[in-house]
Every structure is written in C-alpha cells, then in structure tokens.
Amino acid sequence: MKFVVDKPVSPILASWLQAQAGHDAFHVRERGLSTAESADIFALTIREARIIITSDLDSFRIVALSGRDAPGVFLFRSGTEL
C-alpha cells in the first residue's frame, strides 16, 4: 500500500511502514511539505494514489467534503508528534 504520513503524526510511523511492513510510505517532511496546506497534501495524495495518515481533522474534512471515493484516510485523534 502507499501512504503519506501527515505533519501531526510522527515520521517514525512512515519509517516503520517502510522497514517493518514493506509499504511505500513517506512523511510530508521528506518532501519538503512541512508547511503545506492540507488541500495541497490532499492533491498530492490523489495524484499518487496514496492513503493519508493524519490526526488533523482538516484533512479528514477535505476528503469527506470532496465527494470523491479516494483517497483513504486513517485518522488518529490521539496522535501527537514525538
């Protein structure tokens, strides 16, 4: 699976997804997107057919209100950056 780990979630998760689970994953910091707007990350996720992993409700709202059936979202409400 292909994932993008959003800024509120630790980059350790992206590393784990790659090394331990064999997924294609990156943290937004790895692509210089630390200050990107949620809408820009959403657009990247659509272009690259990735699943967003976030604890940011804005990302969830953008996906929910887009009317699209993609991308998928994993929402971690208790997630904090390490």
PDB file of N, CA and C in Angstrom:
ATOM      1  N   MET A   1       0.844  -1.178   0.000  1.00  0.00           N
ATOM      2  CA  MET A   1       0.000   0.000   0.000  1.00  0.00           C
ATOM      3  C   MET A   1       0.884   1.233   0.000  1.00  0.00           C
ATOM      4  N   LYS A   2       0.293   2.346  -0.412  1.00  0.00           N
ATOM      5  CA  LYS A   2       1.023   3.609  -0.478  1.00  0.00           C
ATOM      6  C   LYS A   2       0.411   4.601   0.515  1.00  0.00           C
ATOM      7  N   PHE A   3       1.272   5.160   1.364  1.00  0.00           N
ATOM      8  CA  PHE A   3       0.815   6.070   2.415  1.00  0.00           C
ATOM      9  C   PHE A   3       1.580   7.385   2.373  1.00  0.00           C
ATOM     10  N   VAL A   4       0.911   8.433   2.823  1.00  0.00           N
ATOM     11  CA  VAL A   4       1.576   9.691   3.156  1.00  0.00           C
ATOM     12  C   VAL A   4       1.214   9.975   4.614  1.00  0.00           C
ATOM     13  N   VAL A   5       2.235  10.169   5.434  1.00  0.00           N
ATOM     14  CA  VAL A   5       2.033  10.455   6.858  1.00  0.00           C
ATOM     15  C   VAL A   5       2.061  11.965   7.022  1.00  0.00           C
ATOM     16  N   ASP A   6       0.978  12.522   7.507  1.00  0.00           N
ATOM     17  CA  ASP A   6       0.804  13.971   7.628  1.00  0.00           C
ATOM     18  C   ASP A   6       1.615  14.526   8.794  1.00  0.00           C
ATOM     19  N   LYS A   7       1.807  15.846   8.779  1.00  0.00           N
ATOM     20  CA  LYS A   7       2.684  16.515   9.756  1.00  0.00           C
ATOM     21  C   LYS A   7       2.329  16.314  11.225  1.00  0.00           C
ATOM     22  N   PRO A   8       1.055  16.168  11.620  1.00  0.00           N
ATOM     23  CA  PRO A   8       0.806  15.977  13.050  1.00  0.00           C
ATOM     24  C   PRO A   8       1.208  14.592  13.577  1.00  0.00           C
ATOM     25  N   VAL A   9       1.530  13.672  12.683  1.00  0.00           N
ATOM     26  CA  VAL A   9       1.878  12.302  13.079  1.00  0.00           C
ATOM     27  C   VAL A   9       3.393  12.142  12.978  1.00  0.00           C
ATOM     28  N   SER A  10       3.959  11.398  13.879  1.00  0.00           N
ATOM     29  CA  SER A  10       5.406  11.217  13.929  1.00  0.00           C
ATOM     30  C   SER A  10       5.954  10.598  12.637  1.00  0.00           C
ATOM     31  N   PRO A  11       7.102  11.098  12.162  1.00  0.00           N
ATOM     32  CA  PRO A  11       7.747  10.492  10.997  1.00  0.00           C
ATOM     33  C   PRO A  11       8.209   9.056  11.262  1.00  0.00           C
ATOM     34  N   ILE A  12       8.282   8.676  12.523  1.00  0.00           N
ATOM     35  CA  ILE A  12       8.662   7.309  12.872  1.00  0.00           C
ATOM     36  C   ILE A  12       7.673   6.313  12.257  1.00  0.00           C
ATOM     37  N   LEU A  13       6.410   6.707  12.154  1.00  0.00           N
ATOM     38  CA  LEU A  13       5.410   5.816  11.569  1.00  0.00           C
ATOM     39  C   LEU A  13       5.739   5.518  10.109  1.00  0.00           C
ATOM     40  N   ALA A  14       6.131   6.527   9.343  1.00  0.00           N
ATOM     41  CA  ALA A  14       6.483   6.298   7.934  1.00  0.00           C
ATOM     42  C   ALA A  14       7.662   5.351   7.826  1.00  0.00           C
ATOM     43  N   SER A  15       8.653   5.546   8.679  1.00  0.00           N
ATOM     44  CA  SER A  15       9.820   4.655   8.684  1.00  0.00           C
ATOM     45  C   SER A  15       9.410   3.226   9.010  1.00  0.00           C
ATOM     46  N   TRP A  16       8.547   3.068   9.996  1.00  0.00           N
ATOM     47  CA  TRP A  16       8.084   1.734  10.372  1.00  0.00           C
ATOM     48  C   TRP A  16       7.305   1.084   9.235  1.00  0.00           C
ATOM     49  N   LEU A  17       6.416   1.847   8.607  1.00  0.00           N
ATOM     50  CA  LEU A  17       5.634   1.294   7.499  1.00  0.00           C
ATOM     51  C   LEU A  17       6.533   0.789   6.381  1.00  0.00           C
ATOM     52  N   GLN A  18       7.634   1.494   6.138  1.00  0.00           N
ATOM     53  CA  GLN A  18       8.583   1.076   5.099  1.00  0.00           C
ATOM     54  C   GLN A  18       9.373  -0.148   5.539  1.00  0.00           C
ATOM     55  N   ALA A  19      10.049  -0.025   6.676  1.00  0.00           N
ATOM     56  CA  ALA A  19      11.011  -1.044   7.106  1.00  0.00           C
ATOM     57  C   ALA A  19      10.354  -2.320   7.617  1.00  0.00           C
ATOM     58  N   GLN A  20       9.317  -2.186   8.393  1.00  0.00           N
ATOM     59  CA  GLN A  20       8.722  -3.354   9.041  1.00  0.00           C
ATOM     60  C   GLN A  20       7.555  -3.956   8.266  1.00  0.00           C
ATOM     61  N   ALA A  21       6.823  -3.122   7.557  1.00  0.00           N
ATOM     62  CA  ALA A  21       5.626  -3.618   6.878  1.00  0.00           C
ATOM     63  C   ALA A  21       5.774  -3.649   5.356  1.00  0.00           C
ATOM     64  N   GLY A  22       6.864  -3.083   4.840  1.00  0.00           N
ATOM     65  CA  GLY A  22       7.137  -3.136   3.410  1.00  0.00           C
ATOM     66  C   GLY A  22       6.255  -2.262   2.539  1.00  0.00           C
ATOM     67  N   HIS A  23       5.681  -1.227   3.117  1.00  0.00           N
ATOM     68  CA  HIS A  23       4.815  -0.328   2.349  1.00  0.00           C
ATOM     69  C   HIS A  23       5.603   0.830   1.751  1.00  0.00           C
ATOM     70  N   ASP A  24       5.045   1.438   0.727  1.00  0.00           N
ATOM     71  CA  ASP A  24       5.580   2.652   0.122  1.00  0.00           C
ATOM     72  C   ASP A  24       5.010   3.812   0.942  1.00  0.00           C
ATOM     73  N   ALA A  25       5.825   4.386   1.817  1.00  0.00           N
ATOM     74  CA  ALA A  25       5.331   5.427   2.717  1.00  0.00           C
ATOM     75  C   ALA A  25       6.377   6.515   2.886  1.00  0.00           C
ATOM     76  N   PHE A  26       5.894   7.729   3.101  1.00  0.00           N
ATOM     77  CA  PHE A  26       6.795   8.829   3.432  1.00  0.00           C
ATOM     78  C   PHE A  26       6.070   9.807   4.338  1.00  0.00           C
ATOM     79  N   HIS A  27       6.845  10.555   5.108  1.00  0.00           N
ATOM     80  CA  HIS A  27       6.305  11.641   5.930  1.00  0.00           C
ATOM     81  C   HIS A  27       6.392  12.910   5.093  1.00  0.00           C
ATOM     82  N   VAL A  28       5.461  13.819   5.277  1.00  0.00           N
ATOM     83  CA  VAL A  28       5.446  15.047   4.475  1.00  0.00           C
ATOM     84  C   VAL A  28       6.766  15.820   4.566  1.00  0.00           C
ATOM     85  N   ARG A  29       7.468  15.716   5.685  1.00  0.00           N
ATOM     86  CA  ARG A  29       8.766  16.396   5.841  1.00  0.00           C
ATOM     87  C   ARG A  29       9.779  15.928   4.799  1.00  0.00           C
ATOM     88  N   GLU A  30       9.692  14.650   4.430  1.00  0.00           N
ATOM     89  CA  GLU A  30      10.640  14.082   3.475  1.00  0.00           C
ATOM     90  C   GLU A  30      10.538  14.726   2.103  1.00  0.00           C
ATOM     91  N   ARG A  31       9.423  15.354   1.823  1.00  0.00           N
ATOM     92  CA  ARG A  31       9.217  16.002   0.523  1.00  0.00           C
ATOM     93  C   ARG A  31       9.119  17.519   0.653  1.00  0.00           C
ATOM     94  N   GLY A  32       9.556  18.044   1.793  1.00  0.00           N
ATOM     95  CA  GLY A  32       9.533  19.493   1.980  1.00  0.00           C
ATOM     96  C   GLY A  32       8.141  20.072   2.113  1.00  0.00           C
ATOM     97  N   LEU A  33       7.213  19.287   2.633  1.00  0.00           N
ATOM     98  CA  LEU A  33       5.819  19.722   2.747  1.00  0.00           C
ATOM     99  C   LEU A  33       5.401  20.028   4.180  1.00  0.00           C
ATOM    100  N   SER A  34       6.360  20.330   5.032  1.00  0.00           N
ATOM    101  CA  SER A  34       6.049  20.582   6.445  1.00  0.00           C
ATOM    102  C   SER A  34       5.102  21.751   6.652  1.00  0.00           C
ATOM    103  N   THR A  35       5.147  22.720   5.757  1.00  0.00           N
ATOM    104  CA  THR A  35       4.278  23.891   5.897  1.00  0.00           C
ATOM    105  C   THR A  35       3.159  23.909   4.860  1.00  0.00           C
ATOM    106  N   ALA A  36       3.003  22.820   4.136  1.00  0.00           N
ATOM    107  CA  ALA A  36       1.970  22.751   3.093  1.00  0.00           C
ATOM    108  C   ALA A  36       0.571  22.771   3.711  1.00  0.00           C
ATOM    109  N   GLU A  37      -0.347  23.335   2.982  1.00  0.00           N
ATOM    110  CA  GLU A  37      -1.749  23.341   3.395  1.00  0.00           C
ATOM    111  C   GLU A  37      -2.329  21.935   3.227  1.00  0.00           C
ATOM    112  N   SER A  38      -3.341  21.638   4.003  1.00  0.00           N
ATOM    113  CA  SER A  38      -3.995  20.329   3.917  1.00  0.00           C
ATOM    114  C   SER A  38      -4.503  20.051   2.503  1.00  0.00           C
ATOM    115  N   ALA A  39      -5.012  21.074   1.831  1.00  0.00           N
ATOM    116  CA  ALA A  39      -5.521  20.890   0.466  1.00  0.00           C
ATOM    117  C   ALA A  39      -4.411  20.465  -0.493  1.00  0.00           C
ATOM    118  N   ASP A  40      -3.198  20.979  -0.290  1.00  0.00           N
ATOM    119  CA  ASP A  40      -2.071  20.601  -1.149  1.00  0.00           C
ATOM    120  C   ASP A  40      -1.663  19.146  -0.904  1.00  0.00           C
ATOM    121  N   ILE A  41      -1.687  18.735   0.348  1.00  0.00           N
ATOM    122  CA  ILE A  41      -1.362  17.347   0.678  1.00  0.00           C
ATOM    123  C   ILE A  41      -2.447  16.428   0.120  1.00  0.00           C
ATOM    124  N   PHE A  42      -3.696  16.860   0.183  1.00  0.00           N
ATOM    125  CA  PHE A  42      -4.805  16.108  -0.398  1.00  0.00           C
ATOM    126  C   PHE A  42      -4.584  15.916  -1.903  1.00  0.00           C
ATOM    127  N   ALA A  43      -4.194  16.979  -2.595  1.00  0.00           N
ATOM    128  CA  ALA A  43      -3.958  16.900  -4.041  1.00  0.00           C
ATOM    129  C   ALA A  43      -2.830  15.920  -4.361  1.00  0.00           C
ATOM    130  N   LEU A  44      -1.754  15.975  -3.583  1.00  0.00           N
ATOM    131  CA  LEU A  44      -0.645  15.040  -3.776  1.00  0.00           C
ATOM    132  C   LEU A  44      -1.113  13.608  -3.563  1.00  0.00           C
ATOM    133  N   THR A  45      -1.921  13.410  -2.558  1.00  0.00           N
ATOM    134  CA  THR A  45      -2.423  12.074  -2.241  1.00  0.00           C
ATOM    135  C   THR A  45      -3.263  11.527  -3.389  1.00  0.00           C
ATOM    136  N   ILE A  46      -4.058  12.368  -4.000  1.00  0.00           N
ATOM    137  CA  ILE A  46      -4.862  11.963  -5.164  1.00  0.00           C
ATOM    138  C   ILE A  46      -3.939  11.613  -6.333  1.00  0.00           C
ATOM    139  N   ARG A  47      -2.985  12.495  -6.633  1.00  0.00           N
ATOM    140  CA  ARG A  47      -2.068  12.273  -7.764  1.00  0.00           C
ATOM    141  C   ARG A  47      -1.311  10.963  -7.646  1.00  0.00           C
ATOM    142  N   GLU A  48      -0.888  10.642  -6.422  1.00  0.00           N
ATOM    143  CA  GLU A  48      -0.047   9.466  -6.211  1.00  0.00           C
ATOM    144  C   GLU A  48      -0.816   8.251  -5.693  1.00  0.00           C
ATOM    145  N   ALA A  49      -2.127   8.353  -5.626  1.00  0.00           N
ATOM    146  CA  ALA A  49      -2.993   7.249  -5.161  1.00  0.00           C
ATOM    147  C   ALA A  49      -2.510   6.699  -3.815  1.00  0.00           C
ATOM    148  N   ARG A  50      -2.378   7.603  -2.839  1.00  0.00           N
ATOM    149  CA  ARG A  50      -1.915   7.235  -1.503  1.00  0.00           C
ATOM    150  C   ARG A  50      -3.053   7.329  -0.497  1.00  0.00           C
ATOM    151  N   ILE A  51      -2.827   6.786   0.675  1.00  0.00           N
ATOM    152  CA  ILE A  51      -3.737   6.899   1.813  1.00  0.00           C
ATOM    153  C   ILE A  51      -3.104   7.883   2.789  1.00  0.00           C
ATOM    154  N   ILE A  52      -3.893   8.828   3.286  1.00  0.00           N
ATOM    155  CA  ILE A  52      -3.400   9.821   4.243  1.00  0.00           C
ATOM    156  C   ILE A  52      -3.507   9.242   5.654  1.00  0.00           C
ATOM    157  N   ILE A  53      -2.430   9.369   6.415  1.00  0.00           N
ATOM    158  CA  ILE A  53      -2.449   9.031   7.840  1.00  0.00           C
ATOM    159  C   ILE A  53      -2.264  10.350   8.580  1.00  0.00           C
ATOM    160  N   THR A  54      -3.250  10.754   9.349  1.00  0.00           N
ATOM    161  CA  THR A  54      -3.226  12.072   9.979  1.00  0.00           C
ATOM    162  C   THR A  54      -3.970  12.066  11.309  1.00  0.00           C
ATOM    163  N   SER A  55      -3.761  13.119  12.069  1.00  0.00           N
ATOM    164  CA  SER A  55      -4.594  13.361  13.252  1.00  0.00           C
ATOM    165  C   SER A  55      -5.252  14.734  13.120  1.00  0.00           C
ATOM    166  N   ASP A  56      -5.178  15.292  11.925  1.00  0.00           N
ATOM    167  CA  ASP A  56      -5.696  16.625  11.616  1.00  0.00           C
ATOM    168  C   ASP A  56      -7.100  16.502  11.028  1.00  0.00           C
ATOM    169  N   LEU A  57      -8.080  17.059  11.712  1.00  0.00           N
ATOM    170  CA  LEU A  57      -9.457  16.985  11.224  1.00  0.00           C
ATOM    171  C   LEU A  57      -9.660  17.748   9.921  1.00  0.00           C
ATOM    172  N   ASP A  58      -8.824  18.751   9.635  1.00  0.00           N
ATOM    173  CA  ASP A  58      -8.948  19.475   8.371  1.00  0.00           C
ATOM    174  C   ASP A  58      -8.757  18.537   7.189  1.00  0.00           C
ATOM    175  N   SER A  59      -7.757  17.674   7.271  1.00  0.00           N
ATOM    176  CA  SER A  59      -7.522  16.717   6.183  1.00  0.00           C
ATOM    177  C   SER A  59      -8.724  15.801   6.018  1.00  0.00           C
ATOM    178  N   PHE A  60      -9.263  15.346   7.133  1.00  0.00           N
ATOM    179  CA  PHE A  60     -10.425  14.469   7.091  1.00  0.00           C
ATOM    180  C   PHE A  60     -11.619  15.186   6.457  1.00  0.00           C
ATOM    181  N   ARG A  61     -11.835  16.442   6.835  1.00  0.00           N
ATOM    182  CA  ARG A  61     -12.958  17.214   6.271  1.00  0.00           C
ATOM    183  C   ARG A  61     -12.806  17.410   4.772  1.00  0.00           C
ATOM    184  N   ILE A  62     -11.579  17.724   4.326  1.00  0.00           N
ATOM    185  CA  ILE A  62     -11.345  17.936   2.897  1.00  0.00           C
ATOM    186  C   ILE A  62     -11.718  16.687   2.116  1.00  0.00           C
ATOM    187  N   VAL A  63     -11.293  15.552   2.600  1.00  0.00           N
ATOM    188  CA  VAL A  63     -11.612  14.294   1.926  1.00  0.00           C
ATOM    189  C   VAL A  63     -13.112  14.037   1.977  1.00  0.00           C
ATOM    190  N   ALA A  64     -13.711  14.184   3.143  1.00  0.00           N
ATOM    191  CA  ALA A  64     -15.139  13.899   3.304  1.00  0.00           C
ATOM    192  C   ALA A  64     -16.007  14.814   2.438  1.00  0.00           C
ATOM    193  N   LEU A  65     -15.630  16.086   2.332  1.00  0.00           N
ATOM    194  CA  LEU A  65     -16.439  17.050   1.577  1.00  0.00           C
ATOM    195  C   LEU A  65     -16.119  17.071   0.086  1.00  0.00           C
ATOM    196  N   SER A  66     -15.078  16.376  -0.316  1.00  0.00           N
ATOM    197  CA  SER A  66     -14.678  16.403  -1.728  1.00  0.00           C
ATOM    198  C   SER A  66     -15.655  15.638  -2.621  1.00  0.00           C
ATOM    199  N   GLY A  67     -16.400  14.710  -2.025  1.00  0.00           N
ATOM    200  CA  GLY A  67     -17.315  13.908  -2.821  1.00  0.00           C
ATOM    201  C   GLY A  67     -16.611  12.793  -3.591  1.00  0.00           C
ATOM    202  N   ARG A  68     -15.327  12.640  -3.373  1.00  0.00           N
ATOM    203  CA  ARG A  68     -14.545  11.601  -4.053  1.00  0.00           C
ATOM    204  C   ARG A  68     -14.547  10.328  -3.212  1.00  0.00           C
ATOM    205  N   ASP A  69     -14.289   9.225  -3.867  1.00  0.00           N
ATOM    206  CA  ASP A  69     -14.185   7.974  -3.126  1.00  0.00           C
ATOM    207  C   ASP A  69     -12.730   7.650  -2.792  1.00  0.00           C
ATOM    208  N   ALA A  70     -11.843   8.591  -3.048  1.00  0.00           N
ATOM    209  CA  ALA A  70     -10.423   8.453  -2.719  1.00  0.00           C
ATOM    210  C   ALA A  70      -9.899   9.843  -2.397  1.00  0.00           C
ATOM    211  N   PRO A  71      -8.897   9.992  -1.626  1.00  0.00           N
ATOM    212  CA  PRO A  71      -8.065   8.952  -1.032  1.00  0.00           C
ATOM    213  C   PRO A  71      -8.674   8.435   0.262  1.00  0.00           C
ATOM    214  N   GLY A  72      -8.117   7.340   0.744  1.00  0.00           N
ATOM    215  CA  GLY A  72      -8.498   6.832   2.046  1.00  0.00           C
ATOM    216  C   GLY A  72      -7.801   7.645   3.128  1.00  0.00           C
ATOM    217  N   VAL A  73      -8.374   7.627   4.312  1.00  0.00           N
ATOM    218  CA  VAL A  73      -7.807   8.384   5.431  1.00  0.00           C
ATOM    219  C   VAL A  73      -7.794   7.506   6.672  1.00  0.00           C
ATOM    220  N   PHE A  74      -6.631   7.437   7.324  1.00  0.00           N
ATOM    221  CA  PHE A  74      -6.541   6.887   8.672  1.00  0.00           C
ATOM    222  C   PHE A  74      -6.475   8.092   9.594  1.00  0.00           C
ATOM    223  N   LEU A  75      -7.429   8.229  10.481  1.00  0.00           N
ATOM    224  CA  LEU A  75      -7.488   9.380  11.373  1.00  0.00           C
ATOM    225  C   LEU A  75      -7.128   8.942  12.783  1.00  0.00           C
ATOM    226  N   PHE A  76      -6.020   9.471  13.295  1.00  0.00           N
ATOM    227  CA  PHE A  76      -5.573   9.197  14.664  1.00  0.00           C
ATOM    228  C   PHE A  76      -5.884  10.410  15.506  1.00  0.00           C
ATOM    229  N   ARG A  77      -6.927  10.363  16.282  1.00  0.00           N
ATOM    230  CA  ARG A  77      -7.312  11.513  17.096  1.00  0.00           C
ATOM    231  C   ARG A  77      -6.423  11.701  18.318  1.00  0.00           C
ATOM    232  N   SER A  78      -5.740  10.680  18.766  1.00  0.00           N
ATOM    233  CA  SER A  78      -4.882  10.852  19.929  1.00  0.00           C
ATOM    234  C   SER A  78      -3.414  11.017  19.533  1.00  0.00           C
ATOM    235  N   GLY A  79      -3.137  11.069  18.237  1.00  0.00           N
ATOM    236  CA  GLY A  79      -1.759  11.156  17.756  1.00  0.00           C
ATOM    237  C   GLY A  79      -1.111  12.482  18.093  1.00  0.00           C
ATOM    238  N   THR A  80       0.124  12.411  18.556  1.00  0.00           N
ATOM    239  CA  THR A  80       0.908  13.610  18.774  1.00  0.00           C
ATOM    240  C   THR A  80       2.302  13.363  18.230  1.00  0.00           C
ATOM    241  N   GLU A  81       2.975  14.426  17.908  1.00  0.00           N
ATOM    242  CA  GLU A  81       4.312  14.287  17.366  1.00  0.00           C
ATOM    243  C   GLU A  81       5.295  13.923  18.475  1.00  0.00           C
ATOM    244  N   LEU A  82       6.214  13.039  18.170  1.00  0.00           N
ATOM    245  CA  LEU A  82       7.223  12.630  19.135  1.00  0.00           C
ATOM    246  C   LEU A  82       8.428  13.548  19.049  1.00  0.00           C
TER     247      LEU A  82
END
